[in-house]
Amino acid sequence: MSKTSQTVLARQRRHERVRERVHGTAERPRLCVFRSLQHIYVQVIDDTQGHTLLAVSTLDAEVQAALNGKAKIAQATAIGELLARRALAAGIKQVVFDRGGYLYHGRVKALAEPHARAGWSFSNVGARFPRPLEVWTADNGEELWAVEIAEDEEAASGTKRPKS
């Protein structure tokens, strides 16, 4: 198999793992990202009903003329701003961010930043790593963590410590 196929398959496996924990609801829909080499596509999805509430991409007629000649990260920022405007007009202020198996870096990060500036609330409780309470090194040099599973969203985000 070629390297490209292995890369695509690895991303799909990462996305499947994230999708096991990240679900969109009517109150907090899922913001799903897909990026190709030339374009970026974003959907706001209500998984309980299986409906796409909003969809924006670099192929959208409203922004396509403005995106000509811009770098891909600038295009992603423009798409993020357009989606934020449309979603706020539709009354969506909270989302669960599904990065699609991509790293939160580059175009994916540039897409998400306008939403935070627009006042959106992101939640990825199931996709976070737990905070270590204690870290020690085993005899073989491996790092071992003792973690506590948070029972609420604030504790999972690290904004408050769980009660002991």
N, C-alpha and C. Protein backbone atom coordinates (compact mmCIF):
# COMPACT_ATOMS: atom_id res chain seq x y z
N MET A 1 0.83 -1.18 0.00
CA MET A 1 0.00 0.00 0.00
C MET A 1 0.88 1.25 0.00
N SER A 2 0.43 2.30 -0.62
CA SER A 2 1.23 3.52 -0.70
C SER A 2 1.15 4.30 0.62
N LYS A 3 2.06 5.24 0.80
CA LYS A 3 2.10 6.05 2.01
C LYS A 3 0.83 6.88 2.16
N THR A 4 0.33 7.41 1.06
CA THR A 4 -0.87 8.22 1.11
C THR A 4 -2.04 7.40 1.63
N SER A 5 -2.19 6.19 1.16
CA SER A 5 -3.29 5.35 1.63
C SER A 5 -3.16 5.07 3.11
N GLN A 6 -1.96 4.81 3.60
CA GLN A 6 -1.75 4.57 5.02
C GLN A 6 -2.11 5.81 5.84
N THR A 7 -1.77 6.98 5.34
CA THR A 7 -2.08 8.23 6.03
C THR A 7 -3.58 8.44 6.12
N VAL A 8 -4.27 8.21 5.02
CA VAL A 8 -5.72 8.38 4.99
C VAL A 8 -6.39 7.38 5.92
N LEU A 9 -5.94 6.14 5.90
CA LEU A 9 -6.53 5.12 6.77
C LEU A 9 -6.28 5.44 8.25
N ALA A 10 -5.11 5.95 8.57
CA ALA A 10 -4.81 6.32 9.95
C ALA A 10 -5.72 7.46 10.41
N ARG A 11 -5.95 8.45 9.56
CA ARG A 11 -6.85 9.56 9.90
C ARG A 11 -8.26 9.05 10.11
N GLN A 12 -8.71 8.14 9.26
CA GLN A 12 -10.06 7.59 9.40
C GLN A 12 -10.21 6.81 10.69
N ARG A 13 -9.18 6.08 11.09
CA ARG A 13 -9.23 5.36 12.37
C ARG A 13 -9.28 6.34 13.54
N ARG A 14 -8.50 7.42 13.48
CA ARG A 14 -8.55 8.43 14.53
C ARG A 14 -9.94 9.06 14.61
N HIS A 15 -10.52 9.34 13.44
CA HIS A 15 -11.84 9.95 13.40
C HIS A 15 -12.89 9.02 13.99
N GLU A 16 -12.81 7.73 13.69
CA GLU A 16 -13.75 6.76 14.26
C GLU A 16 -13.64 6.71 15.78
N ARG A 17 -12.42 6.77 16.31
CA ARG A 17 -12.24 6.76 17.77
C ARG A 17 -12.87 7.99 18.41
N VAL A 18 -12.68 9.14 17.77
CA VAL A 18 -13.26 10.37 18.31
C VAL A 18 -14.78 10.33 18.22
N ARG A 19 -15.30 9.80 17.12
CA ARG A 19 -16.75 9.76 16.92
C ARG A 19 -17.45 8.83 17.90
N GLU A 20 -16.73 7.89 18.50
CA GLU A 20 -17.33 7.05 19.53
C GLU A 20 -17.71 7.87 20.75
N ARG A 21 -17.00 8.99 20.99
CA ARG A 21 -17.22 9.80 22.18
C ARG A 21 -17.88 11.14 21.91
N VAL A 22 -17.85 11.62 20.69
CA VAL A 22 -18.37 12.96 20.38
C VAL A 22 -19.67 12.82 19.60
N HIS A 23 -20.76 13.33 20.19
CA HIS A 23 -22.07 13.27 19.55
C HIS A 23 -22.72 14.64 19.62
N GLY A 24 -23.38 15.02 18.54
CA GLY A 24 -24.08 16.30 18.51
C GLY A 24 -25.54 16.12 18.88
N THR A 25 -26.09 17.12 19.57
CA THR A 25 -27.50 17.13 19.93
C THR A 25 -28.12 18.40 19.37
N ALA A 26 -29.43 18.55 19.58
CA ALA A 26 -30.09 19.76 19.10
C ALA A 26 -29.58 20.99 19.86
N GLU A 27 -29.30 20.84 21.17
CA GLU A 27 -28.81 21.97 21.97
C GLU A 27 -27.34 22.25 21.69
N ARG A 28 -26.57 21.21 21.42
CA ARG A 28 -25.13 21.34 21.20
C ARG A 28 -24.75 20.46 20.01
N PRO A 29 -24.92 20.98 18.78
CA PRO A 29 -24.61 20.16 17.60
C PRO A 29 -23.11 19.98 17.41
N ARG A 30 -22.77 19.04 16.55
CA ARG A 30 -21.37 18.70 16.29
C ARG A 30 -20.87 19.53 15.11
N LEU A 31 -19.72 20.18 15.28
CA LEU A 31 -19.06 20.93 14.21
C LEU A 31 -18.01 20.01 13.61
N CYS A 32 -18.27 19.51 12.41
CA CYS A 32 -17.42 18.51 11.77
C CYS A 32 -16.59 19.15 10.66
N VAL A 33 -15.31 18.82 10.63
CA VAL A 33 -14.37 19.41 9.67
C VAL A 33 -13.84 18.32 8.74
N PHE A 34 -13.79 18.63 7.44
CA PHE A 34 -13.08 17.80 6.48
C PHE A 34 -12.23 18.72 5.63
N ARG A 35 -10.98 18.34 5.44
CA ARG A 35 -10.11 19.16 4.60
C ARG A 35 -9.49 18.28 3.53
N SER A 36 -9.51 18.81 2.33
CA SER A 36 -8.81 18.15 1.23
C SER A 36 -7.57 18.98 0.94
N LEU A 37 -6.86 18.63 -0.10
CA LEU A 37 -5.64 19.39 -0.41
C LEU A 37 -5.95 20.82 -0.82
N GLN A 38 -7.09 21.04 -1.47
CA GLN A 38 -7.39 22.39 -1.96
C GLN A 38 -8.51 23.09 -1.20
N HIS A 39 -9.39 22.34 -0.56
CA HIS A 39 -10.58 22.95 0.04
C HIS A 39 -10.76 22.48 1.49
N ILE A 40 -11.63 23.20 2.19
CA ILE A 40 -12.02 22.80 3.54
C ILE A 40 -13.54 22.88 3.63
N TYR A 41 -14.13 21.88 4.27
CA TYR A 41 -15.58 21.75 4.37
C TYR A 41 -15.95 21.66 5.84
N VAL A 42 -17.01 22.35 6.25
CA VAL A 42 -17.45 22.35 7.64
C VAL A 42 -18.96 22.14 7.67
N GLN A 43 -19.41 21.29 8.59
CA GLN A 43 -20.83 21.07 8.78
C GLN A 43 -21.17 21.17 10.25
N VAL A 44 -22.36 21.67 10.55
CA VAL A 44 -22.91 21.65 11.89
C VAL A 44 -24.03 20.62 11.86
N ILE A 45 -23.88 19.55 12.65
CA ILE A 45 -24.74 18.38 12.51
C ILE A 45 -25.44 18.07 13.83
N ASP A 46 -26.74 17.79 13.76
CA ASP A 46 -27.51 17.26 14.89
C ASP A 46 -27.55 15.75 14.71
N ASP A 47 -26.76 15.02 15.50
CA ASP A 47 -26.66 13.57 15.34
C ASP A 47 -27.90 12.83 15.84
N THR A 48 -28.69 13.43 16.74
CA THR A 48 -29.87 12.74 17.23
C THR A 48 -30.90 12.56 16.12
N GLN A 49 -31.02 13.54 15.24
CA GLN A 49 -31.96 13.45 14.12
C GLN A 49 -31.26 13.09 12.81
N GLY A 50 -29.95 13.19 12.78
CA GLY A 50 -29.21 12.90 11.56
C GLY A 50 -29.34 13.99 10.51
N HIS A 51 -29.47 15.24 10.96
CA HIS A 51 -29.64 16.37 10.05
C HIS A 51 -28.42 17.28 10.07
N THR A 52 -28.06 17.78 8.90
CA THR A 52 -27.05 18.82 8.79
C THR A 52 -27.75 20.16 8.92
N LEU A 53 -27.40 20.92 9.95
CA LEU A 53 -28.05 22.20 10.19
C LEU A 53 -27.45 23.31 9.35
N LEU A 54 -26.13 23.31 9.19
CA LEU A 54 -25.42 24.30 8.38
C LEU A 54 -24.25 23.62 7.68
N ALA A 55 -23.89 24.13 6.52
CA ALA A 55 -22.71 23.63 5.82
C ALA A 55 -22.05 24.79 5.09
N VAL A 56 -20.73 24.87 5.21
CA VAL A 56 -19.95 25.93 4.55
C VAL A 56 -18.67 25.29 4.03
N SER A 57 -18.22 25.75 2.87
CA SER A 57 -16.94 25.27 2.34
C SER A 57 -16.29 26.38 1.53
N THR A 58 -15.07 26.12 1.10
CA THR A 58 -14.39 27.10 0.25
C THR A 58 -15.01 27.15 -1.14
N LEU A 59 -15.89 26.23 -1.44
CA LEU A 59 -16.60 26.24 -2.72
C LEU A 59 -17.90 27.05 -2.65
N ASP A 60 -18.23 27.60 -1.48
CA ASP A 60 -19.44 28.38 -1.28
C ASP A 60 -19.39 29.64 -2.14
N ALA A 61 -20.47 29.91 -2.86
CA ALA A 61 -20.50 31.04 -3.79
C ALA A 61 -20.32 32.38 -3.08
N GLU A 62 -20.76 32.47 -1.83
CA GLU A 62 -20.68 33.72 -1.09
C GLU A 62 -19.25 34.17 -0.82
N VAL A 63 -18.33 33.21 -0.67
CA VAL A 63 -16.95 33.57 -0.33
C VAL A 63 -15.93 33.18 -1.39
N GLN A 64 -16.34 32.48 -2.40
CA GLN A 64 -15.38 31.95 -3.37
C GLN A 64 -14.58 33.05 -4.06
N ALA A 65 -15.24 34.15 -4.44
CA ALA A 65 -14.53 35.24 -5.10
C ALA A 65 -13.53 35.91 -4.16
N ALA A 66 -13.89 36.01 -2.88
CA ALA A 66 -13.01 36.66 -1.91
C ALA A 66 -11.82 35.78 -1.56
N LEU A 67 -11.91 34.49 -1.77
CA LEU A 67 -10.85 33.57 -1.38
C LEU A 67 -9.78 33.38 -2.46
N ASN A 68 -10.04 33.81 -3.66
CA ASN A 68 -9.07 33.62 -4.74
C ASN A 68 -7.74 34.29 -4.40
N GLY A 69 -6.66 33.53 -4.49
CA GLY A 69 -5.33 34.05 -4.25
C GLY A 69 -4.90 34.05 -2.79
N LYS A 70 -5.78 33.69 -1.87
CA LYS A 70 -5.42 33.66 -0.45
C LYS A 70 -4.77 32.33 -0.10
N ALA A 71 -3.97 32.34 0.95
CA ALA A 71 -3.37 31.11 1.46
C ALA A 71 -4.46 30.24 2.10
N LYS A 72 -4.17 28.96 2.26
CA LYS A 72 -5.17 28.03 2.77
C LYS A 72 -5.60 28.36 4.19
N ILE A 73 -4.67 28.83 5.03
CA ILE A 73 -5.03 29.18 6.41
C ILE A 73 -5.93 30.41 6.42
N ALA A 74 -5.67 31.37 5.57
CA ALA A 74 -6.54 32.54 5.47
C ALA A 74 -7.92 32.15 4.95
N GLN A 75 -7.96 31.18 4.04
CA GLN A 75 -9.25 30.68 3.55
C GLN A 75 -10.03 30.01 4.68
N ALA A 76 -9.34 29.22 5.50
CA ALA A 76 -10.00 28.54 6.61
C ALA A 76 -10.54 29.55 7.62
N THR A 77 -9.80 30.61 7.88
CA THR A 77 -10.27 31.66 8.78
C THR A 77 -11.52 32.32 8.23
N ALA A 78 -11.54 32.61 6.94
CA ALA A 78 -12.71 33.23 6.32
C ALA A 78 -13.92 32.30 6.38
N ILE A 79 -13.70 31.01 6.18
CA ILE A 79 -14.79 30.04 6.26
C ILE A 79 -15.31 29.96 7.69
N GLY A 80 -14.40 30.00 8.67
CA GLY A 80 -14.80 29.99 10.08
C GLY A 80 -15.64 31.20 10.44
N GLU A 81 -15.26 32.37 9.93
CA GLU A 81 -16.03 33.59 10.21
C GLU A 81 -17.41 33.52 9.57
N LEU A 82 -17.49 33.00 8.34
CA LEU A 82 -18.79 32.86 7.67
C LEU A 82 -19.68 31.89 8.43
N LEU A 83 -19.13 30.76 8.85
CA LEU A 83 -19.92 29.79 9.59
C LEU A 83 -20.38 30.37 10.92
N ALA A 84 -19.52 31.12 11.60
CA ALA A 84 -19.90 31.73 12.88
C ALA A 84 -21.07 32.70 12.68
N ARG A 85 -21.01 33.51 11.63
CA ARG A 85 -22.12 34.45 11.36
C ARG A 85 -23.41 33.69 11.08
N ARG A 86 -23.35 32.68 10.23
CA ARG A 86 -24.55 31.91 9.88
C ARG A 86 -25.12 31.17 11.08
N ALA A 87 -24.25 30.60 11.89
CA ALA A 87 -24.72 29.83 13.04
C ALA A 87 -25.34 30.74 14.10
N LEU A 88 -24.73 31.88 14.36
CA LEU A 88 -25.31 32.81 15.33
C LEU A 88 -26.65 33.32 14.84
N ALA A 89 -26.80 33.51 13.53
CA ALA A 89 -28.09 33.91 12.97
C ALA A 89 -29.13 32.79 13.13
N ALA A 90 -28.67 31.54 13.11
CA ALA A 90 -29.57 30.41 13.29
C ALA A 90 -29.80 30.08 14.76
N GLY A 91 -29.14 30.78 15.68
CA GLY A 91 -29.33 30.58 17.10
C GLY A 91 -28.45 29.50 17.72
N ILE A 92 -27.39 29.10 17.03
CA ILE A 92 -26.47 28.09 17.55
C ILE A 92 -25.30 28.80 18.22
N LYS A 93 -25.12 28.55 19.53
CA LYS A 93 -24.04 29.20 20.27
C LYS A 93 -23.10 28.22 20.92
N GLN A 94 -23.46 26.94 20.96
CA GLN A 94 -22.61 25.92 21.57
C GLN A 94 -22.47 24.77 20.60
N VAL A 95 -21.27 24.25 20.46
CA VAL A 95 -21.02 23.11 19.58
C VAL A 95 -20.04 22.15 20.23
N VAL A 96 -20.04 20.93 19.73
CA VAL A 96 -19.02 19.95 20.07
C VAL A 96 -18.10 19.90 18.86
N PHE A 97 -16.82 20.18 19.04
CA PHE A 97 -15.89 20.29 17.92
C PHE A 97 -15.34 18.92 17.55
N ASP A 98 -15.62 18.49 16.33
CA ASP A 98 -15.12 17.22 15.78
C ASP A 98 -14.10 17.58 14.72
N ARG A 99 -12.82 17.43 15.04
CA ARG A 99 -11.76 17.85 14.12
C ARG A 99 -11.51 16.84 13.01
N GLY A 100 -12.27 15.78 12.96
CA GLY A 100 -12.21 14.84 11.84
C GLY A 100 -10.96 13.99 11.78
N GLY A 101 -10.29 13.80 12.90
CA GLY A 101 -9.07 13.00 12.90
C GLY A 101 -7.83 13.80 12.55
N TYR A 102 -8.00 15.09 12.28
CA TYR A 102 -6.85 15.94 11.96
C TYR A 102 -6.31 16.55 13.25
N LEU A 103 -5.03 16.93 13.24
CA LEU A 103 -4.46 17.64 14.37
C LEU A 103 -5.10 19.01 14.51
N TYR A 104 -5.23 19.49 15.73
CA TYR A 104 -5.73 20.84 15.96
C TYR A 104 -4.57 21.80 15.71
N HIS A 105 -4.33 22.04 14.44
CA HIS A 105 -3.17 22.80 14.00
C HIS A 105 -3.44 23.31 12.60
N GLY A 106 -2.84 24.42 12.22
CA GLY A 106 -2.95 24.91 10.85
C GLY A 106 -4.36 25.31 10.48
N ARG A 107 -4.89 24.71 9.41
CA ARG A 107 -6.21 25.08 8.90
C ARG A 107 -7.34 24.76 9.88
N VAL A 108 -7.22 23.64 10.58
CA VAL A 108 -8.27 23.26 11.54
C VAL A 108 -8.32 24.28 12.69
N LYS A 109 -7.17 24.67 13.19
CA LYS A 109 -7.11 25.67 14.25
C LYS A 109 -7.60 27.03 13.75
N ALA A 110 -7.19 27.41 12.54
CA ALA A 110 -7.61 28.69 11.97
C ALA A 110 -9.12 28.72 11.76
N LEU A 111 -9.72 27.59 11.48
CA LEU A 111 -11.16 27.49 11.30
C LEU A 111 -11.89 27.67 12.62
N ALA A 112 -11.32 27.15 13.72
CA ALA A 112 -11.99 27.18 15.01
C ALA A 112 -11.86 28.51 15.73
N GLU A 113 -10.79 29.25 15.50
CA GLU A 113 -10.56 30.49 16.24
C GLU A 113 -11.64 31.55 16.05
N PRO A 114 -12.20 31.78 14.86
CA PRO A 114 -13.27 32.78 14.74
C PRO A 114 -14.51 32.43 15.57
N HIS A 115 -14.75 31.15 15.80
CA HIS A 115 -15.90 30.76 16.60
C HIS A 115 -15.71 31.16 18.05
N ALA A 116 -14.52 31.00 18.55
CA ALA A 116 -14.23 31.40 19.93
C ALA A 116 -14.36 32.92 20.07
N ARG A 117 -13.89 33.66 19.06
CA ARG A 117 -14.02 35.12 19.10
C ARG A 117 -15.47 35.56 19.00
N ALA A 118 -16.30 34.77 18.30
CA ALA A 118 -17.71 35.12 18.13
C ALA A 118 -18.53 34.75 19.37
N GLY A 119 -17.91 34.11 20.35
CA GLY A 119 -18.61 33.80 21.59
C GLY A 119 -19.17 32.39 21.66
N TRP A 120 -18.74 31.50 20.78
CA TRP A 120 -19.21 30.12 20.83
C TRP A 120 -18.58 29.40 21.99
N SER A 121 -19.28 28.39 22.49
CA SER A 121 -18.76 27.54 23.54
C SER A 121 -18.42 26.19 22.92
N PHE A 122 -17.14 25.79 22.99
CA PHE A 122 -16.71 24.50 22.47
C PHE A 122 -16.70 23.49 23.60
N SER A 123 -17.08 22.27 23.28
CA SER A 123 -17.04 21.20 24.27
C SER A 123 -16.53 19.94 23.59
N ASN A 124 -15.51 19.35 24.14
CA ASN A 124 -14.97 18.07 23.68
C ASN A 124 -14.67 17.21 24.89
N VAL A 125 -15.62 17.07 25.79
CA VAL A 125 -15.38 16.37 27.04
C VAL A 125 -14.86 14.97 26.79
N GLY A 126 -15.46 14.24 25.86
CA GLY A 126 -15.04 12.87 25.61
C GLY A 126 -13.73 12.77 24.88
N ALA A 127 -13.28 13.85 24.26
CA ALA A 127 -12.07 13.79 23.46
C ALA A 127 -10.83 14.26 24.21
N ARG A 128 -11.00 14.73 25.44
CA ARG A 128 -9.86 15.23 26.20
C ARG A 128 -9.13 14.09 26.89
N PHE A 129 -7.86 14.34 27.14
CA PHE A 129 -7.10 13.42 27.96
C PHE A 129 -7.34 13.79 29.42
N PRO A 130 -7.43 12.81 30.30
CA PRO A 130 -7.61 13.14 31.71
C PRO A 130 -6.36 13.79 32.28
N ARG A 131 -6.54 14.63 33.28
CA ARG A 131 -5.44 15.29 33.94
C ARG A 131 -4.78 14.33 34.92
N PRO A 132 -3.47 14.21 34.90
CA PRO A 132 -2.84 13.28 35.86
C PRO A 132 -2.84 13.86 37.27
N LEU A 133 -3.19 13.03 38.25
CA LEU A 133 -3.09 13.42 39.65
C LEU A 133 -1.69 13.17 40.18
N GLU A 134 -1.09 12.10 39.65
CA GLU A 134 0.24 11.72 40.10
C GLU A 134 0.96 11.06 38.93
N VAL A 135 2.22 11.38 38.74
CA VAL A 135 3.02 10.79 37.68
C VAL A 135 4.28 10.20 38.30
N TRP A 136 4.59 8.97 37.96
CA TRP A 136 5.83 8.36 38.44
C TRP A 136 6.44 7.53 37.34
N THR A 137 7.71 7.16 37.50
CA THR A 137 8.44 6.41 36.49
C THR A 137 8.63 4.98 36.97
N ALA A 138 8.29 4.02 36.10
CA ALA A 138 8.46 2.61 36.42
C ALA A 138 9.93 2.23 36.26
N ASP A 139 10.26 0.99 36.67
CA ASP A 139 11.64 0.51 36.59
C ASP A 139 12.17 0.49 35.15
N ASN A 140 11.27 0.25 34.18
CA ASN A 140 11.70 0.19 32.79
C ASN A 140 11.75 1.57 32.12
N GLY A 141 11.51 2.65 32.89
CA GLY A 141 11.60 4.00 32.35
C GLY A 141 10.28 4.54 31.82
N GLU A 142 9.24 3.72 31.85
CA GLU A 142 7.93 4.14 31.33
C GLU A 142 7.24 5.05 32.34
N GLU A 143 6.58 6.13 31.84
CA GLU A 143 5.85 7.04 32.71
C GLU A 143 4.48 6.45 33.01
N LEU A 144 4.09 6.42 34.28
CA LEU A 144 2.79 5.92 34.69
C LEU A 144 1.99 7.07 35.29
N TRP A 145 0.69 7.11 34.98
CA TRP A 145 -0.18 8.18 35.46
C TRP A 145 -1.27 7.62 36.33
N ALA A 146 -1.60 8.31 37.39
CA ALA A 146 -2.82 8.03 38.15
C ALA A 146 -3.78 9.16 37.78
N VAL A 147 -4.94 8.80 37.27
CA VAL A 147 -5.88 9.82 36.83
C VAL A 147 -7.21 9.63 37.54
N GLU A 148 -7.95 10.72 37.62
CA GLU A 148 -9.29 10.68 38.19
C GLU A 148 -10.25 11.07 37.08
N ILE A 149 -11.29 10.29 36.90
CA ILE A 149 -12.27 10.58 35.86
C ILE A 149 -13.22 11.65 36.40
N ALA A 150 -13.34 12.74 35.67
CA ALA A 150 -14.18 13.86 36.09
C ALA A 150 -15.65 13.51 35.85
N GLU A 151 -16.50 13.96 36.77
CA GLU A 151 -17.92 13.68 36.64
C GLU A 151 -18.68 14.82 35.98
N ASP A 152 -18.07 15.97 35.85
CA ASP A 152 -18.76 17.07 35.19
C ASP A 152 -17.82 17.74 34.19
N GLU A 153 -18.40 18.58 33.37
CA GLU A 153 -17.67 19.18 32.26
C GLU A 153 -16.57 20.13 32.74
N GLU A 154 -16.83 20.89 33.82
CA GLU A 154 -15.82 21.83 34.31
C GLU A 154 -14.59 21.10 34.81
N ALA A 155 -14.80 20.00 35.53
CA ALA A 155 -13.66 19.24 36.04
C ALA A 155 -12.89 18.61 34.90
N ALA A 156 -13.59 18.16 33.86
CA ALA A 156 -12.91 17.53 32.72
C ALA A 156 -12.08 18.54 31.96
N SER A 157 -12.51 19.80 31.93
CA SER A 157 -11.76 20.81 31.19
C SER A 157 -10.58 21.34 31.97
N GLY A 158 -10.50 20.99 33.26
CA GLY A 158 -9.37 21.44 34.05
C GLY A 158 -9.60 22.79 34.72
N THR A 159 -10.85 23.32 34.67
CA THR A 159 -11.10 24.60 35.29
C THR A 159 -11.32 24.49 36.79
N LYS A 160 -11.66 23.29 37.27
CA LYS A 160 -11.77 23.11 38.72
C LYS A 160 -11.37 21.68 39.06
N ARG A 161 -10.87 21.48 40.26
CA ARG A 161 -10.48 20.16 40.70
C ARG A 161 -11.69 19.43 41.25
N PRO A 162 -11.82 18.13 40.99
CA PRO A 162 -12.93 17.38 41.57
C PRO A 162 -12.78 17.31 43.09
N LYS A 163 -13.90 17.23 43.78
CA LYS A 163 -13.87 17.14 45.24
C LYS A 163 -13.36 15.78 45.65
N SER A 164 -12.49 15.76 46.67
CA SER A 164 -11.93 14.49 47.14
C SER A 164 -12.64 14.03 48.37
